[in-house]
Protein backbone atom coordinates (compact mmCIF):
# COMPACT_ATOMS: atom_id res chain seq x y z
CA MET A 1 -30.80 28.80 -33.40
CA ILE A 2 -29.06 30.01 -30.26
CA ARG A 3 -27.82 33.55 -30.84
CA ILE A 4 -24.35 34.09 -29.41
CA GLY A 5 -22.72 37.42 -28.60
CA ILE A 6 -18.98 37.64 -28.03
CA LEU A 7 -17.66 40.49 -25.86
CA GLY A 8 -13.95 40.85 -26.48
CA TYR A 9 -12.17 39.61 -29.58
CA GLY A 10 -8.89 38.32 -28.20
CA ASN A 11 -7.66 34.73 -28.06
CA ILE A 12 -10.71 33.32 -26.28
CA GLY A 13 -13.11 35.39 -28.36
CA ARG A 14 -11.63 33.98 -31.56
CA GLY A 15 -11.76 30.48 -30.07
CA ILE A 16 -15.46 30.93 -29.29
CA GLU A 17 -16.10 32.22 -32.81
CA ALA A 18 -14.61 29.03 -34.28
CA ALA A 19 -16.64 26.83 -31.92
CA VAL A 20 -19.89 28.64 -32.76
CA ALA A 21 -19.20 28.08 -36.46
CA ALA A 22 -18.93 24.34 -35.76
CA ALA A 23 -22.13 24.16 -33.68
CA PRO A 24 -25.23 22.99 -35.59
CA ASP A 25 -27.65 24.89 -33.36
CA MET A 26 -25.88 28.24 -32.98
CA GLU A 27 -25.23 31.43 -34.87
CA LEU A 28 -23.00 34.40 -34.14
CA ALA A 29 -25.19 37.43 -33.51
CA ALA A 30 -22.40 39.98 -33.06
CA ILE A 31 -18.92 40.61 -31.73
CA PHE A 32 -18.58 43.49 -29.28
CA THR A 33 -15.32 45.34 -28.82
CA ARG A 34 -13.79 48.32 -27.05
CA ARG A 35 -11.78 48.99 -30.20
CA ASP A 36 -12.91 50.76 -33.34
CA PRO A 37 -15.19 48.16 -34.99
CA ALA A 38 -13.79 49.05 -38.40
CA SER A 39 -10.35 47.88 -37.21
CA VAL A 40 -11.55 44.38 -36.22
CA ALA A 41 -11.49 41.71 -38.95
CA VAL A 42 -13.57 38.65 -38.04
CA LYS A 43 -13.74 35.28 -39.77
CA THR A 44 -17.51 34.73 -39.71
CA PRO A 45 -18.99 36.05 -42.96
CA GLY A 46 -21.46 38.86 -42.34
CA ALA A 47 -21.03 38.94 -38.57
CA PRO A 48 -21.44 42.50 -37.28
CA VAL A 49 -18.75 44.06 -35.12
CA VAL A 50 -20.21 46.52 -32.63
CA ASN A 51 -18.66 48.97 -30.20
CA VAL A 52 -19.31 48.00 -26.59
CA ALA A 53 -20.96 51.39 -26.06
CA ASP A 54 -23.88 50.16 -28.19
CA LEU A 55 -24.23 46.82 -26.42
CA GLU A 56 -27.51 47.60 -24.63
CA ALA A 57 -29.28 47.88 -27.98
CA TRP A 58 -28.72 44.13 -28.47
CA THR A 59 -30.54 42.80 -25.41
CA ASP A 60 -33.29 41.24 -27.55
CA LYS A 61 -30.89 39.97 -30.24
CA VAL A 62 -28.52 37.84 -28.12
CA ASP A 63 -29.47 34.69 -26.19
CA VAL A 64 -26.12 34.26 -24.41
CA MET A 65 -23.35 36.84 -24.09
CA MET A 66 -19.88 35.30 -23.89
CA LEU A 67 -17.54 37.45 -21.78
CA CYS A 68 -13.92 37.11 -22.84
CA GLY A 69 -12.13 39.61 -20.61
CA GLY A 70 -9.33 38.84 -18.20
CA SER A 71 -9.95 37.56 -14.69
CA ALA A 72 -7.63 40.07 -13.02
CA THR A 73 -9.65 43.22 -13.67
CA ASP A 74 -12.24 42.77 -16.46
CA LEU A 75 -14.56 39.97 -15.38
CA PRO A 76 -15.10 41.02 -11.75
CA GLU A 77 -16.71 44.18 -13.14
CA GLN A 78 -18.11 42.96 -16.46
CA THR A 79 -19.93 39.78 -15.50
CA PRO A 80 -22.19 41.27 -12.79
CA ALA A 81 -22.80 44.34 -14.98
CA TYR A 82 -23.79 42.42 -18.10
CA ALA A 83 -25.78 39.80 -16.15
CA LYS A 84 -28.25 42.65 -15.65
CA LEU A 85 -28.79 42.75 -19.44
CA PHE A 86 -28.15 39.22 -20.78
CA ASN A 87 -27.72 35.58 -19.93
CA VAL A 88 -23.93 35.45 -19.60
CA ILE A 89 -21.00 33.06 -19.29
CA ASP A 90 -17.37 33.77 -18.38
CA SER A 91 -14.11 31.91 -17.79
CA PHE A 92 -13.14 33.59 -14.50
CA ASP A 93 -10.16 31.60 -13.23
CA THR A 94 -8.89 33.28 -10.06
CA HIS A 95 -9.77 30.29 -7.86
CA ALA A 96 -9.41 32.12 -4.55
CA LYS A 97 -11.97 34.74 -5.57
CA ILE A 98 -14.62 32.45 -7.12
CA PRO A 99 -17.00 32.59 -4.09
CA GLU A 100 -16.98 36.39 -4.11
CA HIS A 101 -17.44 36.55 -7.89
CA PHE A 102 -20.27 34.01 -7.74
CA ALA A 103 -22.12 36.06 -5.12
CA ASN A 104 -21.84 39.26 -7.16
CA VAL A 105 -23.08 37.64 -10.36
CA ASP A 106 -25.84 35.72 -8.57
CA LYS A 107 -27.24 38.92 -7.09
CA ALA A 108 -27.19 40.82 -10.39
CA ALA A 109 -28.67 37.94 -12.41
CA LYS A 110 -31.47 37.20 -9.95
CA GLU A 111 -32.47 40.85 -9.76
CA SER A 112 -32.72 41.06 -13.56
CA GLY A 113 -34.19 37.61 -14.19
CA HIS A 114 -31.17 36.33 -16.11
CA LEU A 115 -28.96 33.27 -15.80
CA GLY A 116 -25.19 33.57 -15.53
CA MET A 117 -22.43 31.00 -15.43
CA ILE A 118 -18.96 31.74 -14.13
CA SER A 119 -15.65 29.89 -14.34
CA GLY A 120 -16.31 27.85 -17.46
CA GLY A 121 -13.44 26.30 -19.39
CA TRP A 122 -11.13 23.49 -18.40
CA ASP A 123 -9.75 24.68 -15.05
CA PRO A 124 -11.91 25.83 -13.53
CA GLY A 125 -14.43 23.84 -15.53
CA MET A 126 -13.73 20.32 -16.79
CA PHE A 127 -11.03 19.75 -14.17
CA SER A 128 -13.47 20.92 -11.47
CA LEU A 129 -16.01 18.29 -12.52
CA ASN A 130 -13.41 15.55 -12.40
CA ARG A 131 -12.31 16.61 -8.92
CA LEU A 132 -15.93 16.43 -7.75
CA TYR A 133 -16.61 13.04 -9.36
CA ALA A 134 -13.42 11.53 -7.96
CA ASN A 135 -14.06 12.86 -4.45
CA ALA A 136 -17.56 11.41 -4.48
CA ILE A 137 -16.33 8.00 -5.67
CA LEU A 138 -13.22 7.78 -3.46
CA PRO A 139 -14.04 9.64 -0.25
CA ASN A 140 -10.97 8.16 1.42
CA GLY A 141 -8.26 9.73 -0.69
CA SER A 142 -6.30 12.78 -1.81
CA ASP A 143 -6.61 15.23 -4.71
CA TYR A 144 -3.83 16.38 -7.01
CA THR A 145 -3.99 18.83 -9.90
CA PHE A 146 -1.09 19.53 -12.23
CA TRP A 147 -1.18 22.13 -15.03
CA GLY A 148 1.03 22.33 -18.10
CA LYS A 149 3.42 22.46 -19.56
CA GLY A 150 1.64 25.28 -21.27
CA ILE A 151 0.81 28.94 -21.53
CA SER A 152 -1.67 30.23 -18.98
CA GLN A 153 -3.82 32.94 -20.56
CA GLY A 154 -4.92 34.34 -17.20
CA HIS A 155 -1.41 34.51 -15.76
CA SER A 156 -0.01 35.96 -18.98
CA ASP A 157 -2.72 38.63 -18.89
CA ALA A 158 -1.87 39.42 -15.27
CA VAL A 159 1.80 39.92 -16.16
CA ARG A 160 0.92 42.14 -19.13
CA ARG A 161 -1.01 44.45 -16.80
CA ILE A 162 2.06 45.21 -14.69
CA GLU A 163 3.41 48.72 -15.22
CA GLY A 164 6.35 48.63 -17.60
CA VAL A 165 5.36 45.40 -19.40
CA ALA A 166 4.72 45.63 -23.14
CA ASP A 167 3.95 41.93 -23.72
CA ALA A 168 4.41 38.63 -21.92
CA LYS A 169 3.74 34.90 -21.96
CA GLN A 170 3.77 32.69 -18.86
CA TYR A 171 4.32 28.92 -18.82
CA THR A 172 3.09 26.67 -16.03
CA ILE A 173 5.30 23.59 -15.69
CA PRO A 174 4.54 20.47 -13.60
CA VAL A 175 7.35 19.07 -11.49
CA GLU A 176 7.71 15.64 -13.09
CA SER A 177 8.99 13.89 -9.98
CA ALA A 178 5.94 15.05 -8.02
CA LEU A 179 3.59 13.81 -10.75
CA GLU A 180 5.23 10.38 -10.76
CA GLN A 181 4.94 10.15 -6.96
CA VAL A 182 1.19 10.67 -7.24
CA ARG A 183 0.76 8.17 -10.07
CA SER A 184 2.58 5.55 -7.99
CA GLY A 185 -0.18 5.71 -5.40
CA SER A 186 2.19 6.76 -2.62
CA ASN A 187 -0.19 9.56 -1.61
CA PRO A 188 2.50 12.23 -1.08
CA GLU A 189 1.84 15.50 0.71
CA LEU A 190 2.93 18.21 -1.71
CA THR A 191 3.04 21.96 -1.28
CA THR A 192 2.02 24.32 -4.08
CA ARG A 193 5.68 25.08 -4.67
CA GLN A 194 6.60 21.39 -4.94
CA LYS A 195 4.05 20.68 -7.68
CA HIS A 196 4.74 23.42 -10.25
CA THR A 197 7.17 26.01 -11.42
CA ARG A 198 6.32 29.11 -13.44
CA GLU A 199 8.35 30.65 -16.25
CA CYS A 200 7.70 34.14 -17.64
CA PHE A 201 8.96 35.63 -20.91
CA VAL A 202 8.54 39.39 -20.72
CA VAL A 203 8.98 42.26 -23.17
CA LEU A 204 9.62 45.54 -21.36
CA LYS A 205 8.43 48.95 -22.41
CA ASP A 206 11.15 51.51 -23.13
CA GLY A 207 12.63 52.76 -19.89
CA ALA A 208 10.94 50.19 -17.70
CA ASP A 209 12.69 49.00 -14.54
CA ALA A 210 13.37 45.29 -15.05
CA ALA A 211 14.08 44.65 -11.37
CA ALA A 212 10.79 46.26 -10.34
CA VAL A 213 8.84 44.28 -12.93
CA GLU A 214 10.45 41.00 -11.82
CA LYS A 215 9.66 41.79 -8.18
CA ALA A 216 6.03 42.64 -9.03
CA ILE A 217 5.63 39.33 -10.88
CA LYS A 218 7.17 37.13 -8.22
CA GLU A 219 5.20 38.75 -5.38
CA MET A 220 1.80 38.87 -7.13
CA PRO A 221 -0.77 37.26 -4.79
CA ASN A 222 -2.93 34.42 -6.13
CA TYR A 223 -0.72 34.16 -9.22
CA PHE A 224 3.01 33.83 -8.48
CA ASP A 225 3.78 34.36 -4.80
CA GLU A 226 3.53 30.66 -3.89
CA TYR A 227 5.65 29.36 -6.78
CA ASP A 228 9.28 29.26 -7.83
CA THR A 229 9.12 31.68 -10.75
CA THR A 230 11.76 32.44 -13.37
CA VAL A 231 11.50 35.67 -15.36
CA HIS A 232 13.23 36.12 -18.73
CA PHE A 233 13.37 39.52 -20.44
CA ILE A 234 13.38 39.16 -24.21
CA SER A 235 12.58 41.18 -27.33
CA GLN A 236 9.18 41.37 -28.96
CA GLU A 237 10.64 39.64 -32.00
CA GLU A 238 11.82 36.67 -29.93
CA LEU A 239 8.48 36.46 -28.13
CA ASN A 240 6.64 36.44 -31.46
CA GLU A 241 9.00 33.87 -32.98
CA LYS A 242 9.29 31.39 -30.11
CA HIS A 243 6.18 31.86 -27.97
CA SER A 244 3.29 32.58 -30.34
CA ALA A 245 1.59 29.18 -29.97
CA MET A 246 -0.93 28.58 -27.17
CA PRO A 247 -0.47 24.98 -25.94
CA HIS A 248 -1.59 23.83 -22.53
CA GLY A 249 -3.02 20.85 -20.66
CA GLY A 250 -2.67 19.07 -17.39
CA PHE A 251 -3.78 16.31 -15.08
CA VAL A 252 -6.37 15.82 -12.35
CA LEU A 253 -5.69 12.82 -10.11
CA ARG A 254 -7.22 11.35 -7.01
CA THR A 255 -5.63 8.49 -5.16
CA GLY A 256 -7.73 6.57 -2.68
CA SER A 257 -8.55 3.26 -1.11
CA THR A 258 -11.57 1.04 -0.59
CA GLY A 259 -12.39 -2.02 1.45
CA TRP A 260 -12.99 -2.66 5.15
CA ASP A 261 -9.29 -2.22 5.87
CA ASN A 262 -8.57 0.15 2.95
CA GLU A 263 -6.60 -2.68 1.42
CA ASN A 264 -7.37 -1.85 -2.24
CA LYS A 265 -5.72 1.19 -3.81
CA HIS A 266 -7.04 3.20 -6.77
CA VAL A 267 -5.85 6.05 -8.95
CA ILE A 268 -8.26 8.16 -11.01
CA GLU A 269 -6.60 10.32 -13.67
CA TYR A 270 -8.08 12.77 -16.18
CA SER A 271 -5.72 14.50 -18.56
CA LEU A 272 -5.78 17.06 -21.34
CA LYS A 273 -3.17 17.81 -24.00
CA LEU A 274 -4.16 20.91 -25.92
CA ASP A 275 -2.62 22.39 -29.05
CA SER A 276 -4.69 25.54 -28.52
CA ASN A 277 -5.70 26.57 -25.03
CA PRO A 278 -8.07 29.35 -26.22
CA GLU A 279 -9.76 27.21 -28.87
CA PHE A 280 -10.39 24.39 -26.41
CA THR A 281 -11.57 26.87 -23.76
CA GLY A 282 -13.87 28.44 -26.36
CA SER A 283 -15.29 25.04 -27.23
CA VAL A 284 -16.08 24.31 -23.58
CA LEU A 285 -17.71 27.72 -23.15
CA VAL A 286 -19.87 27.23 -26.25
CA ALA A 287 -21.14 23.87 -24.96
CA TYR A 288 -22.06 25.52 -21.67
CA ALA A 289 -23.67 28.45 -23.47
CA ARG A 290 -26.03 25.90 -25.00
CA ALA A 291 -26.80 24.64 -21.50
CA ILE A 292 -27.36 28.16 -20.16
CA CYS A 293 -29.80 28.89 -22.96
CA LYS A 294 -31.78 25.70 -22.22
CA MET A 295 -31.80 26.28 -18.47
CA ALA A 296 -32.84 29.92 -18.84
CA ALA A 297 -35.71 28.82 -21.07
CA GLU A 298 -36.86 26.59 -18.18
CA GLY A 299 -36.98 29.65 -15.92
CA GLN A 300 -33.73 29.35 -13.99
CA THR A 301 -32.08 32.60 -12.86
CA GLY A 302 -29.07 33.62 -10.82
CA CYS A 303 -25.56 32.23 -11.10
CA VAL A 304 -24.41 28.65 -11.71
CA THR A 305 -21.15 26.80 -12.23
CA VAL A 306 -20.31 23.55 -14.01
CA PHE A 307 -21.45 21.74 -10.86
CA ASP A 308 -25.04 22.85 -11.46
CA VAL A 309 -25.36 21.84 -15.12
CA ALA A 310 -26.68 18.39 -16.05
CA PRO A 311 -24.59 16.81 -18.84
CA LYS A 312 -27.60 16.46 -21.15
CA TYR A 313 -27.85 20.24 -21.46
CA LEU A 314 -24.41 20.42 -23.09
CA SER A 315 -25.34 18.40 -26.15
CA PRO A 316 -27.33 19.48 -29.21
CA GLU A 317 -28.63 15.90 -29.41
CA SER A 318 -31.94 14.74 -27.94
CA ASN A 319 -32.17 12.82 -24.68
CA GLU A 320 -33.29 9.78 -26.68
CA TYR A 321 -30.19 9.98 -28.87
CA LEU A 322 -27.92 10.32 -25.84
CA ARG A 323 -29.42 7.25 -24.16
CA ALA A 324 -29.16 5.21 -27.35
CA HIS A 325 -25.61 6.18 -28.38
CA MET A 326 -23.65 7.52 -25.39
CA LEU A 327 -24.98 5.73 -22.32
C-alpha cells in the first residue's frame, strides 16, 4: 500500500482524503496541520492528525507527501523545504512562476534523493497535457484555454490574503462570444482580457477600507491585473449561503490545418465540467502520487511535471490489463 501524507486540511486536503479512500492501493498515513490537531475532525477512521512541527518524525512512514497550501505564499516555501524530507507533490498554479518553482524544487529533491512533482491538478495538469498533445498533432495552429465559469481556489486564496479581507470567493468566467469564435475555426487573435472576466465576492474585516481592497485586487500581478474584474462586497452570511459550492471547469482548444495547402481545418477540444473543483483536483493529485511513488522506486530524483509522467504510472492496473482493456 502506498502511504499518503496530507499537509494542510483545507478544501484540497479533504478532496485528497476522499480520493485516497477510493484508491485500492493507498492508505492515509497521517494528516498534518498548523492548527491544534485536537480541533481537526477528519473522515478517515483512525487516521492520525499531527501538528506540522512533528512532521520530520514521519519521514519513514510516508511514501508521498501531498502539499495542499496556497500558491501565493505557501508552496514556494513548502515544496522545496519538504522535498528535502519526502517525495512530494503540489498543485502550484501561478503559471508565470512555474519555471522558478521547478528549479527550486528540483535542486532540493536532487540533493536529498527524493522525487517531487509540481503543478498537478487540472490546470496546470490535465489541461497542460492536452495543450502539449494538440500542439504536437497540429503544429500549424493556435491554442486557446478558457476557464470557468467556476470558483478558482488559487485566486480566492490570493484575495483572502489581502489586508482587510475576512473571506472571499472568486469566479472566472469565459467570454462566450470569444469561445464561439474559436469553436468556429476562425482562428481569432484574443487578448487575455477578451477571453475572460473575473468576479470577486468579498467579506471585509471590521474597519477595512473597501476602496483599498478593491484596488489591491484589481492591480494584483499574475492574478487580476490583465482582466476586467468586478468586486462585490457582501456579508459573511450571504457568502456562505450563495457561494459555498466549489464548481469549476473549462476548455482547452487548438485550431489548426493540415494538407499541402493547409486546406483541411481541425478543432481539438478537451473540456471539464466539475461539481467540486477541490475533489477533482484531489483525485488528479492522488493518481499522480501513485506515479511519483512508482518512479521514485525506480530511482528517479529531482522535480517532474505531468509532462514527464508516462500514463501507465497513473493507474493501479497492470500494463497487461491496460493493453487488454484501454488500448
